[in-house]
Amino acid sequence: MPGLLRGVARTAVVAGTATAVSNRVSRRQAGRWAEQDTHAYEQNAPAAPAQAAPAPAPAPPPAPGDDMSTRIDQLKELGTLKEQGILTEAEFAEQKSRILGS
């Protein structure tokens, strides 16, 4: 009989530990998902009219003697503005064509 009680007690301890670990992992994963959802919502949420950023000034057309490094810098800046959501795809394409002169 003592061997049977010992086996039952061991099983109860193992099952309880497994349940506690499983619950902790589930809570941690749910917290990560909630954080990702919040972050994604903040990136995709439309800005309030009072907080809207002013439209960026159009990039001037390249001068005939404009060097390539200046154009590359301007394209990088445009890419950054697009990634931040300040420029739409259409605005990005328009500014890019102005910089490249095409």
PDB file of N, CA and C in Angstrom:
ATOM      1  N   MET A   1       0.807  -1.201   0.000  1.00  0.00           N
ATOM      2  CA  MET A   1       0.000   0.000   0.000  1.00  0.00           C
ATOM      3  C   MET A   1       0.853   1.270   0.000  1.00  0.00           C
ATOM      4  N   PRO A   2       1.951   1.342   0.784  1.00  0.00           N
ATOM      5  CA  PRO A   2       2.759   2.555   0.756  1.00  0.00           C
ATOM      6  C   PRO A   2       3.340   2.819  -0.618  1.00  0.00           C
ATOM      7  N   GLY A   3       3.681   1.775  -1.368  1.00  0.00           N
ATOM      8  CA  GLY A   3       4.217   1.961  -2.706  1.00  0.00           C
ATOM      9  C   GLY A   3       3.175   2.578  -3.633  1.00  0.00           C
ATOM     10  N   LEU A   4       1.932   2.169  -3.473  1.00  0.00           N
ATOM     11  CA  LEU A   4       0.850   2.706  -4.292  1.00  0.00           C
ATOM     12  C   LEU A   4       0.619   4.177  -3.976  1.00  0.00           C
ATOM     13  N   LEU A   5       0.630   4.542  -2.715  1.00  0.00           N
ATOM     14  CA  LEU A   5       0.440   5.945  -2.323  1.00  0.00           C
ATOM     15  C   LEU A   5       1.594   6.808  -2.824  1.00  0.00           C
ATOM     16  N   ARG A   6       2.794   6.251  -2.728  1.00  0.00           N
ATOM     17  CA  ARG A   6       3.949   6.994  -3.213  1.00  0.00           C
ATOM     18  C   ARG A   6       3.830   7.248  -4.728  1.00  0.00           C
ATOM     19  N   GLY A   7       3.390   6.239  -5.480  1.00  0.00           N
ATOM     20  CA  GLY A   7       3.215   6.385  -6.922  1.00  0.00           C
ATOM     21  C   GLY A   7       2.135   7.414  -7.264  1.00  0.00           C
ATOM     22  N   VAL A   8       1.047   7.406  -6.525  1.00  0.00           N
ATOM     23  CA  VAL A   8      -0.043   8.368  -6.750  1.00  0.00           C
ATOM     24  C   VAL A   8       0.442   9.774  -6.415  1.00  0.00           C
ATOM     25  N   ALA A   9       1.164   9.912  -5.319  1.00  0.00           N
ATOM     26  CA  ALA A   9       1.670  11.224  -4.921  1.00  0.00           C
ATOM     27  C   ALA A   9       2.656  11.759  -5.964  1.00  0.00           C
ATOM     28  N   ARG A  10       3.532  10.896  -6.466  1.00  0.00           N
ATOM     29  CA  ARG A  10       4.490  11.315  -7.477  1.00  0.00           C
ATOM     30  C   ARG A  10       3.765  11.752  -8.753  1.00  0.00           C
ATOM     31  N   THR A  11       2.769  11.012  -9.146  1.00  0.00           N
ATOM     32  CA  THR A  11       1.997  11.359 -10.338  1.00  0.00           C
ATOM     33  C   THR A  11       1.306  12.704 -10.161  1.00  0.00           C
ATOM     34  N   ALA A  12       0.755  12.932  -8.965  1.00  0.00           N
ATOM     35  CA  ALA A  12       0.077  14.201  -8.696  1.00  0.00           C
ATOM     36  C   ALA A  12       1.061  15.370  -8.765  1.00  0.00           C
ATOM     37  N   VAL A  13       2.256  15.193  -8.237  1.00  0.00           N
ATOM     38  CA  VAL A  13       3.270  16.251  -8.256  1.00  0.00           C
ATOM     39  C   VAL A  13       3.700  16.534  -9.695  1.00  0.00           C
ATOM     40  N   VAL A  14       3.944  15.488 -10.469  1.00  0.00           N
ATOM     41  CA  VAL A  14       4.369  15.671 -11.852  1.00  0.00           C
ATOM     42  C   VAL A  14       3.267  16.350 -12.653  1.00  0.00           C
ATOM     43  N   ALA A  15       2.028  15.910 -12.485  1.00  0.00           N
ATOM     44  CA  ALA A  15       0.909  16.506 -13.220  1.00  0.00           C
ATOM     45  C   ALA A  15       0.712  17.966 -12.814  1.00  0.00           C
ATOM     46  N   GLY A  16       0.820  18.250 -11.548  1.00  0.00           N
ATOM     47  CA  GLY A  16       0.665  19.632 -11.081  1.00  0.00           C
ATOM     48  C   GLY A  16       1.763  20.539 -11.615  1.00  0.00           C
ATOM     49  N   THR A  17       2.997  20.043 -11.624  1.00  0.00           N
ATOM     50  CA  THR A  17       4.115  20.822 -12.159  1.00  0.00           C
ATOM     51  C   THR A  17       3.934  21.067 -13.651  1.00  0.00           C
ATOM     52  N   ALA A  18       3.527  20.029 -14.374  1.00  0.00           N
ATOM     53  CA  ALA A  18       3.312  20.176 -15.815  1.00  0.00           C
ATOM     54  C   ALA A  18       2.209  21.189 -16.097  1.00  0.00           C
ATOM     55  N   THR A  19       1.156  21.159 -15.319  1.00  0.00           N
ATOM     56  CA  THR A  19       0.063  22.112 -15.508  1.00  0.00           C
ATOM     57  C   THR A  19       0.528  23.535 -15.223  1.00  0.00           C
ATOM     58  N   ALA A  20       1.289  23.720 -14.159  1.00  0.00           N
ATOM     59  CA  ALA A  20       1.776  25.059 -13.829  1.00  0.00           C
ATOM     60  C   ALA A  20       2.694  25.600 -14.924  1.00  0.00           C
ATOM     61  N   VAL A  21       3.587  24.762 -15.428  1.00  0.00           N
ATOM     62  CA  VAL A  21       4.494  25.192 -16.492  1.00  0.00           C
ATOM     63  C   VAL A  21       3.711  25.514 -17.755  1.00  0.00           C
ATOM     64  N   SER A  22       2.773  24.657 -18.101  1.00  0.00           N
ATOM     65  CA  SER A  22       1.961  24.876 -19.297  1.00  0.00           C
ATOM     66  C   SER A  22       1.182  26.184 -19.204  1.00  0.00           C
ATOM     67  N   ASN A  23       0.603  26.455 -18.053  1.00  0.00           N
ATOM     68  CA  ASN A  23      -0.145  27.707 -17.869  1.00  0.00           C
ATOM     69  C   ASN A  23       0.767  28.923 -17.978  1.00  0.00           C
ATOM     70  N   ARG A  24       1.953  28.823 -17.416  1.00  0.00           N
ATOM     71  CA  ARG A  24       2.887  29.942 -17.485  1.00  0.00           C
ATOM     72  C   ARG A  24       3.307  30.219 -18.924  1.00  0.00           C
ATOM     73  N   VAL A  25       3.590  29.160 -19.683  1.00  0.00           N
ATOM     74  CA  VAL A  25       3.961  29.325 -21.087  1.00  0.00           C
ATOM     75  C   VAL A  25       2.804  29.932 -21.872  1.00  0.00           C
ATOM     76  N   SER A  26       1.599  29.470 -21.611  1.00  0.00           N
ATOM     77  CA  SER A  26       0.418  30.009 -22.307  1.00  0.00           C
ATOM     78  C   SER A  26       0.225  31.492 -22.016  1.00  0.00           C
ATOM     79  N   ARG A  27       0.368  31.878 -20.751  1.00  0.00           N
ATOM     80  CA  ARG A  27       0.214  33.295 -20.397  1.00  0.00           C
ATOM     81  C   ARG A  27       1.291  34.152 -21.056  1.00  0.00           C
ATOM     82  N   ARG A  28       2.530  33.648 -21.055  1.00  0.00           N
ATOM     83  CA  ARG A  28       3.619  34.406 -21.660  1.00  0.00           C
ATOM     84  C   ARG A  28       3.388  34.566 -23.170  1.00  0.00           C
ATOM     85  N   GLN A  29       2.955  33.497 -23.830  1.00  0.00           N
ATOM     86  CA  GLN A  29       2.708  33.565 -25.264  1.00  0.00           C
ATOM     87  C   GLN A  29       1.535  34.499 -25.564  1.00  0.00           C
ATOM     88  N   ALA A  30       0.495  34.455 -24.760  1.00  0.00           N
ATOM     89  CA  ALA A  30      -0.645  35.351 -24.957  1.00  0.00           C
ATOM     90  C   ALA A  30      -0.214  36.806 -24.786  1.00  0.00           C
ATOM     91  N   GLY A  31       0.668  37.058 -23.834  1.00  0.00           N
ATOM     92  CA  GLY A  31       1.190  38.418 -23.657  1.00  0.00           C
ATOM     93  C   GLY A  31       1.993  38.883 -24.860  1.00  0.00           C
ATOM     94  N   ARG A  32       2.781  37.987 -25.429  1.00  0.00           N
ATOM     95  CA  ARG A  32       3.557  38.348 -26.623  1.00  0.00           C
ATOM     96  C   ARG A  32       2.636  38.642 -27.800  1.00  0.00           C
ATOM     97  N   TRP A  33       1.599  37.814 -27.967  1.00  0.00           N
ATOM     98  CA  TRP A  33       0.662  38.044 -29.065  1.00  0.00           C
ATOM     99  C   TRP A  33      -0.073  39.362 -28.884  1.00  0.00           C
ATOM    100  N   ALA A  34      -0.470  39.653 -27.649  1.00  0.00           N
ATOM    101  CA  ALA A  34      -1.161  40.915 -27.388  1.00  0.00           C
ATOM    102  C   ALA A  34      -0.245  42.095 -27.684  1.00  0.00           C
ATOM    103  N   GLU A  35       1.033  41.966 -27.330  1.00  0.00           N
ATOM    104  CA  GLU A  35       1.989  43.038 -27.597  1.00  0.00           C
ATOM    105  C   GLU A  35       2.176  43.225 -29.099  1.00  0.00           C
ATOM    106  N   GLN A  36       2.242  42.124 -29.845  1.00  0.00           N
ATOM    107  CA  GLN A  36       2.374  42.225 -31.296  1.00  0.00           C
ATOM    108  C   GLN A  36       1.130  42.851 -31.911  1.00  0.00           C
ATOM    109  N   ASP A  37      -0.041  42.457 -31.427  1.00  0.00           N
ATOM    110  CA  ASP A  37      -1.287  43.026 -31.945  1.00  0.00           C
ATOM    111  C   ASP A  37      -1.349  44.522 -31.671  1.00  0.00           C
ATOM    112  N   THR A  38      -0.958  44.932 -30.478  1.00  0.00           N
ATOM    113  CA  THR A  38      -0.964  46.349 -30.132  1.00  0.00           C
ATOM    114  C   THR A  38       0.005  47.109 -31.014  1.00  0.00           C
ATOM    115  N   HIS A  39       1.190  46.544 -31.210  1.00  0.00           N
ATOM    116  CA  HIS A  39       2.207  47.194 -32.048  1.00  0.00           C
ATOM    117  C   HIS A  39       1.714  47.303 -33.490  1.00  0.00           C
ATOM    118  N   ALA A  40       1.120  46.230 -34.005  1.00  0.00           N
ATOM    119  CA  ALA A  40       0.612  46.247 -35.383  1.00  0.00           C
ATOM    120  C   ALA A  40      -0.514  47.259 -35.518  1.00  0.00           C
ATOM    121  N   TYR A  41      -1.386  47.353 -34.509  1.00  0.00           N
ATOM    122  CA  TYR A  41      -2.484  48.305 -34.565  1.00  0.00           C
ATOM    123  C   TYR A  41      -1.949  49.730 -34.570  1.00  0.00           C
ATOM    124  N   GLU A  42      -0.938  49.997 -33.746  1.00  0.00           N
ATOM    125  CA  GLU A  42      -0.374  51.348 -33.692  1.00  0.00           C
ATOM    126  C   GLU A  42       0.248  51.736 -35.026  1.00  0.00           C
ATOM    127  N   GLN A  43       0.849  50.775 -35.725  1.00  0.00           N
ATOM    128  CA  GLN A  43       1.462  51.077 -37.013  1.00  0.00           C
ATOM    129  C   GLN A  43       0.409  51.311 -38.087  1.00  0.00           C
ATOM    130  N   ASN A  44      -0.704  50.583 -38.021  1.00  0.00           N
ATOM    131  CA  ASN A  44      -1.712  50.653 -39.070  1.00  0.00           C
ATOM    132  C   ASN A  44      -2.862  51.594 -38.750  1.00  0.00           C
ATOM    133  N   ALA A  45      -2.928  52.083 -37.525  1.00  0.00           N
ATOM    134  CA  ALA A  45      -4.032  52.953 -37.139  1.00  0.00           C
ATOM    135  C   ALA A  45      -3.894  54.300 -37.848  1.00  0.00           C
ATOM    136  N   PRO A  46      -5.007  54.823 -38.365  1.00  0.00           N
ATOM    137  CA  PRO A  46      -4.923  56.142 -38.995  1.00  0.00           C
ATOM    138  C   PRO A  46      -4.644  57.218 -37.953  1.00  0.00           C
ATOM    139  N   ALA A  47      -3.838  58.159 -38.324  1.00  0.00           N
ATOM    140  CA  ALA A  47      -3.492  59.243 -37.403  1.00  0.00           C
ATOM    141  C   ALA A  47      -4.696  60.169 -37.240  1.00  0.00           C
ATOM    142  N   ALA A  48      -4.855  60.697 -36.061  1.00  0.00           N
ATOM    143  CA  ALA A  48      -5.928  61.650 -35.817  1.00  0.00           C
ATOM    144  C   ALA A  48      -5.633  62.925 -36.607  1.00  0.00           C
ATOM    145  N   PRO A  49      -6.669  63.620 -37.085  1.00  0.00           N
ATOM    146  CA  PRO A  49      -6.427  64.825 -37.889  1.00  0.00           C
ATOM    147  C   PRO A  49      -5.541  65.850 -37.192  1.00  0.00           C
ATOM    148  N   ALA A  50      -5.687  65.994 -35.885  1.00  0.00           N
ATOM    149  CA  ALA A  50      -4.884  66.984 -35.167  1.00  0.00           C
ATOM    150  C   ALA A  50      -3.415  66.550 -35.098  1.00  0.00           C
ATOM    151  N   GLN A  51      -3.165  65.242 -35.211  1.00  0.00           N
ATOM    152  CA  GLN A  51      -1.810  64.745 -35.098  1.00  0.00           C
ATOM    153  C   GLN A  51      -1.193  64.432 -36.456  1.00  0.00           C
ATOM    154  N   ALA A  52      -1.914  64.672 -37.515  1.00  0.00           N
ATOM    155  CA  ALA A  52      -1.422  64.323 -38.842  1.00  0.00           C
ATOM    156  C   ALA A  52      -0.168  65.135 -39.173  1.00  0.00           C
ATOM    157  N   ALA A  53       0.800  64.460 -39.716  1.00  0.00           N
ATOM    158  CA  ALA A  53       2.049  65.120 -40.086  1.00  0.00           C
ATOM    159  C   ALA A  53       1.822  65.920 -41.370  1.00  0.00           C
ATOM    160  N   PRO A  54       2.461  67.061 -41.492  1.00  0.00           N
ATOM    161  CA  PRO A  54       2.305  67.820 -42.728  1.00  0.00           C
ATOM    162  C   PRO A  54       2.903  67.043 -43.898  1.00  0.00           C
ATOM    163  N   ALA A  55       2.340  67.269 -45.057  1.00  0.00           N
ATOM    164  CA  ALA A  55       2.826  66.575 -46.251  1.00  0.00           C
ATOM    165  C   ALA A  55       4.273  66.995 -46.519  1.00  0.00           C
ATOM    166  N   PRO A  56       5.123  66.031 -46.863  1.00  0.00           N
ATOM    167  CA  PRO A  56       6.516  66.383 -47.125  1.00  0.00           C
ATOM    168  C   PRO A  56       6.625  67.235 -48.387  1.00  0.00           C
ATOM    169  N   ALA A  57       7.574  68.123 -48.355  1.00  0.00           N
ATOM    170  CA  ALA A  57       7.785  68.982 -49.521  1.00  0.00           C
ATOM    171  C   ALA A  57       8.261  68.125 -50.681  1.00  0.00           C
ATOM    172  N   PRO A  58       7.772  68.402 -51.877  1.00  0.00           N
ATOM    173  CA  PRO A  58       8.211  67.588 -53.014  1.00  0.00           C
ATOM    174  C   PRO A  58       9.702  67.752 -53.252  1.00  0.00           C
ATOM    175  N   ALA A  59      10.320  66.658 -53.622  1.00  0.00           N
ATOM    176  CA  ALA A  59      11.752  66.698 -53.894  1.00  0.00           C
ATOM    177  C   ALA A  59      11.979  67.472 -55.187  1.00  0.00           C
ATOM    178  N   PRO A  60      12.944  68.358 -55.187  1.00  0.00           N
ATOM    179  CA  PRO A  60      13.197  69.113 -56.410  1.00  0.00           C
ATOM    180  C   PRO A  60      13.735  68.193 -57.496  1.00  0.00           C
ATOM    181  N   PRO A  61      13.444  68.505 -58.744  1.00  0.00           N
ATOM    182  CA  PRO A  61      13.992  67.677 -59.817  1.00  0.00           C
ATOM    183  C   PRO A  61      15.505  67.779 -59.828  1.00  0.00           C
ATOM    184  N   PRO A  62      16.177  66.726 -60.206  1.00  0.00           N
ATOM    185  CA  PRO A  62      17.641  66.745 -60.162  1.00  0.00           C
ATOM    186  C   PRO A  62      18.207  67.741 -61.166  1.00  0.00           C
ATOM    187  N   ALA A  63      19.235  68.402 -60.724  1.00  0.00           N
ATOM    188  CA  ALA A  63      19.928  69.342 -61.605  1.00  0.00           C
ATOM    189  C   ALA A  63      20.759  68.545 -62.603  1.00  0.00           C
ATOM    190  N   PRO A  64      21.054  69.128 -63.768  1.00  0.00           N
ATOM    191  CA  PRO A  64      21.818  68.387 -64.766  1.00  0.00           C
ATOM    192  C   PRO A  64      23.155  67.872 -64.245  1.00  0.00           C
ATOM    193  N   GLY A  65      23.831  68.621 -63.373  1.00  0.00           N
ATOM    194  CA  GLY A  65      25.140  68.206 -62.875  1.00  0.00           C
ATOM    195  C   GLY A  65      25.056  67.485 -61.539  1.00  0.00           C
ATOM    196  N   ASP A  66      23.858  67.088 -61.123  1.00  0.00           N
ATOM    197  CA  ASP A  66      23.660  66.442 -59.826  1.00  0.00           C
ATOM    198  C   ASP A  66      24.416  65.119 -59.768  1.00  0.00           C
ATOM    199  N   ASP A  67      25.147  64.904 -58.670  1.00  0.00           N
ATOM    200  CA  ASP A  67      25.916  63.668 -58.598  1.00  0.00           C
ATOM    201  C   ASP A  67      25.070  62.509 -58.067  1.00  0.00           C
ATOM    202  N   MET A  68      25.547  61.314 -58.302  1.00  0.00           N
ATOM    203  CA  MET A  68      24.806  60.098 -57.977  1.00  0.00           C
ATOM    204  C   MET A  68      24.610  59.921 -56.477  1.00  0.00           C
ATOM    205  N   SER A  69      25.590  60.317 -55.652  1.00  0.00           N
ATOM    206  CA  SER A  69      25.460  60.109 -54.205  1.00  0.00           C
ATOM    207  C   SER A  69      24.325  60.937 -53.618  1.00  0.00           C
ATOM    208  N   THR A  70      24.089  62.124 -54.157  1.00  0.00           N
ATOM    209  CA  THR A  70      22.981  62.951 -53.678  1.00  0.00           C
ATOM    210  C   THR A  70      21.656  62.271 -54.003  1.00  0.00           C
ATOM    211  N   ARG A  71      21.557  61.724 -55.188  1.00  0.00           N
ATOM    212  CA  ARG A  71      20.331  61.023 -55.571  1.00  0.00           C
ATOM    213  C   ARG A  71      20.095  59.806 -54.694  1.00  0.00           C
ATOM    214  N   ILE A  72      21.163  59.080 -54.410  1.00  0.00           N
ATOM    215  CA  ILE A  72      21.041  57.899 -53.557  1.00  0.00           C
ATOM    216  C   ILE A  72      20.573  58.308 -52.169  1.00  0.00           C
ATOM    217  N   ASP A  73      21.133  59.372 -51.619  1.00  0.00           N
ATOM    218  CA  ASP A  73      20.712  59.856 -50.305  1.00  0.00           C
ATOM    219  C   ASP A  73      19.236  60.240 -50.311  1.00  0.00           C
ATOM    220  N   GLN A  74      18.794  60.910 -51.373  1.00  0.00           N
ATOM    221  CA  GLN A  74      17.393  61.307 -51.468  1.00  0.00           C
ATOM    222  C   GLN A  74      16.487  60.077 -51.554  1.00  0.00           C
ATOM    223  N   LEU A  75      16.912  59.067 -52.302  1.00  0.00           N
ATOM    224  CA  LEU A  75      16.116  57.840 -52.416  1.00  0.00           C
ATOM    225  C   LEU A  75      16.035  57.102 -51.082  1.00  0.00           C
ATOM    226  N   LYS A  76      17.137  57.091 -50.336  1.00  0.00           N
ATOM    227  CA  LYS A  76      17.126  56.459 -49.015  1.00  0.00           C
ATOM    228  C   LYS A  76      16.156  57.176 -48.081  1.00  0.00           C
ATOM    229  N   GLU A  77      16.170  58.509 -48.135  1.00  0.00           N
ATOM    230  CA  GLU A  77      15.262  59.289 -47.294  1.00  0.00           C
ATOM    231  C   GLU A  77      13.810  59.012 -47.676  1.00  0.00           C
ATOM    232  N   LEU A  78      13.544  58.923 -48.968  1.00  0.00           N
ATOM    233  CA  LEU A  78      12.191  58.598 -49.422  1.00  0.00           C
ATOM    234  C   LEU A  78      11.772  57.216 -48.923  1.00  0.00           C
ATOM    235  N   GLY A  79      12.690  56.260 -49.008  1.00  0.00           N
ATOM    236  CA  GLY A  79      12.390  54.913 -48.527  1.00  0.00           C
ATOM    237  C   GLY A  79      12.052  54.904 -47.053  1.00  0.00           C
ATOM    238  N   THR A  80      12.776  55.688 -46.281  1.00  0.00           N
ATOM    239  CA  THR A  80      12.514  55.784 -44.848  1.00  0.00           C
ATOM    240  C   THR A  80      11.133  56.380 -44.596  1.00  0.00           C
ATOM    241  N   LEU A  81      10.801  57.432 -45.328  1.00  0.00           N
ATOM    242  CA  LEU A  81       9.487  58.058 -45.164  1.00  0.00           C
ATOM    243  C   LEU A  81       8.365  57.084 -45.537  1.00  0.00           C
ATOM    244  N   LYS A  82       8.584  56.276 -46.553  1.00  0.00           N
ATOM    245  CA  LYS A  82       7.579  55.300 -46.970  1.00  0.00           C
ATOM    246  C   LYS A  82       7.427  54.226 -45.904  1.00  0.00           C
ATOM    247  N   GLU A  83       8.544  53.725 -45.355  1.00  0.00           N
ATOM    248  CA  GLU A  83       8.498  52.698 -44.317  1.00  0.00           C
ATOM    249  C   GLU A  83       7.778  53.203 -43.069  1.00  0.00           C
ATOM    250  N   GLN A  84       7.924  54.485 -42.762  1.00  0.00           N
ATOM    251  CA  GLN A  84       7.278  55.064 -41.589  1.00  0.00           C
ATOM    252  C   GLN A  84       5.808  55.342 -41.835  1.00  0.00           C
ATOM    253  N   GLY A  85       5.354  55.180 -43.071  1.00  0.00           N
ATOM    254  CA  GLY A  85       3.951  55.401 -43.384  1.00  0.00           C
ATOM    255  C   GLY A  85       3.618  56.843 -43.679  1.00  0.00           C
ATOM    256  N   ILE A  86       4.625  57.688 -43.814  1.00  0.00           N
ATOM    257  CA  ILE A  86       4.393  59.103 -44.102  1.00  0.00           C
ATOM    258  C   ILE A  86       4.033  59.283 -45.571  1.00  0.00           C
ATOM    259  N   LEU A  87       4.669  58.497 -46.436  1.00  0.00           N
ATOM    260  CA  LEU A  87       4.371  58.549 -47.869  1.00  0.00           C
ATOM    261  C   LEU A  87       3.587  57.315 -48.286  1.00  0.00           C
ATOM    262  N   THR A  88       2.625  57.503 -49.172  1.00  0.00           N
ATOM    263  CA  THR A  88       1.918  56.371 -49.750  1.00  0.00           C
ATOM    264  C   THR A  88       2.762  55.809 -50.884  1.00  0.00           C
ATOM    265  N   GLU A  89       2.346  54.678 -51.401  1.00  0.00           N
ATOM    266  CA  GLU A  89       3.073  54.055 -52.514  1.00  0.00           C
ATOM    267  C   GLU A  89       3.087  54.986 -53.725  1.00  0.00           C
ATOM    268  N   ALA A  90       1.955  55.645 -53.996  1.00  0.00           N
ATOM    269  CA  ALA A  90       1.877  56.547 -55.149  1.00  0.00           C
ATOM    270  C   ALA A  90       2.784  57.765 -54.963  1.00  0.00           C
ATOM    271  N   GLU A  91       2.783  58.346 -53.760  1.00  0.00           N
ATOM    272  CA  GLU A  91       3.642  59.498 -53.492  1.00  0.00           C
ATOM    273  C   GLU A  91       5.118  59.108 -53.604  1.00  0.00           C
ATOM    274  N   PHE A  92       5.434  57.912 -53.101  1.00  0.00           N
ATOM    275  CA  PHE A  92       6.802  57.426 -53.175  1.00  0.00           C
ATOM    276  C   PHE A  92       7.236  57.284 -54.635  1.00  0.00           C
ATOM    277  N   ALA A  93       6.378  56.678 -55.456  1.00  0.00           N
ATOM    278  CA  ALA A  93       6.710  56.475 -56.866  1.00  0.00           C
ATOM    279  C   ALA A  93       6.884  57.816 -57.591  1.00  0.00           C
ATOM    280  N   GLU A  94       6.021  58.775 -57.270  1.00  0.00           N
ATOM    281  CA  GLU A  94       6.120  60.097 -57.911  1.00  0.00           C
ATOM    282  C   GLU A  94       7.437  60.787 -57.546  1.00  0.00           C
ATOM    283  N   GLN A  95       7.770  60.794 -56.262  1.00  0.00           N
ATOM    284  CA  GLN A  95       9.001  61.452 -55.817  1.00  0.00           C
ATOM    285  C   GLN A  95      10.235  60.735 -56.372  1.00  0.00           C
ATOM    286  N   LYS A  96      10.161  59.409 -56.426  1.00  0.00           N
ATOM    287  CA  LYS A  96      11.286  58.637 -56.958  1.00  0.00           C
ATOM    288  C   LYS A  96      11.523  58.973 -58.424  1.00  0.00           C
ATOM    289  N   SER A  97      10.432  59.102 -59.185  1.00  0.00           N
ATOM    290  CA  SER A  97      10.598  59.422 -60.597  1.00  0.00           C
ATOM    291  C   SER A  97      11.162  60.836 -60.769  1.00  0.00           C
ATOM    292  N   ARG A  98      10.798  61.755 -59.872  1.00  0.00           N
ATOM    293  CA  ARG A  98      11.357  63.108 -59.933  1.00  0.00           C
ATOM    294  C   ARG A  98      12.856  63.102 -59.646  1.00  0.00           C
ATOM    295  N   ILE A  99      13.242  62.315 -58.649  1.00  0.00           N
ATOM    296  CA  ILE A  99      14.664  62.268 -58.293  1.00  0.00           C
ATOM    297  C   ILE A  99      15.480  61.650 -59.426  1.00  0.00           C
ATOM    298  N   LEU A 100      14.925  60.597 -60.010  1.00  0.00           N
ATOM    299  CA  LEU A 100      15.654  59.919 -61.088  1.00  0.00           C
ATOM    300  C   LEU A 100      15.532  60.635 -62.417  1.00  0.00           C
ATOM    301  N   GLY A 101      14.623  61.591 -62.482  1.00  0.00           N
ATOM    302  CA  GLY A 101      14.474  62.388 -63.702  1.00  0.00           C
ATOM    303  C   GLY A 101      13.830  61.609 -64.830  1.00  0.00           C
ATOM    304  N   SER A 102      12.992  60.636 -64.469  1.00  0.00           N
ATOM    305  CA  SER A 102      12.335  59.857 -65.529  1.00  0.00           C
ATOM    306  C   SER A 102      10.835  59.981 -65.454  1.00  0.00           C
TER     307      SER A 102
END
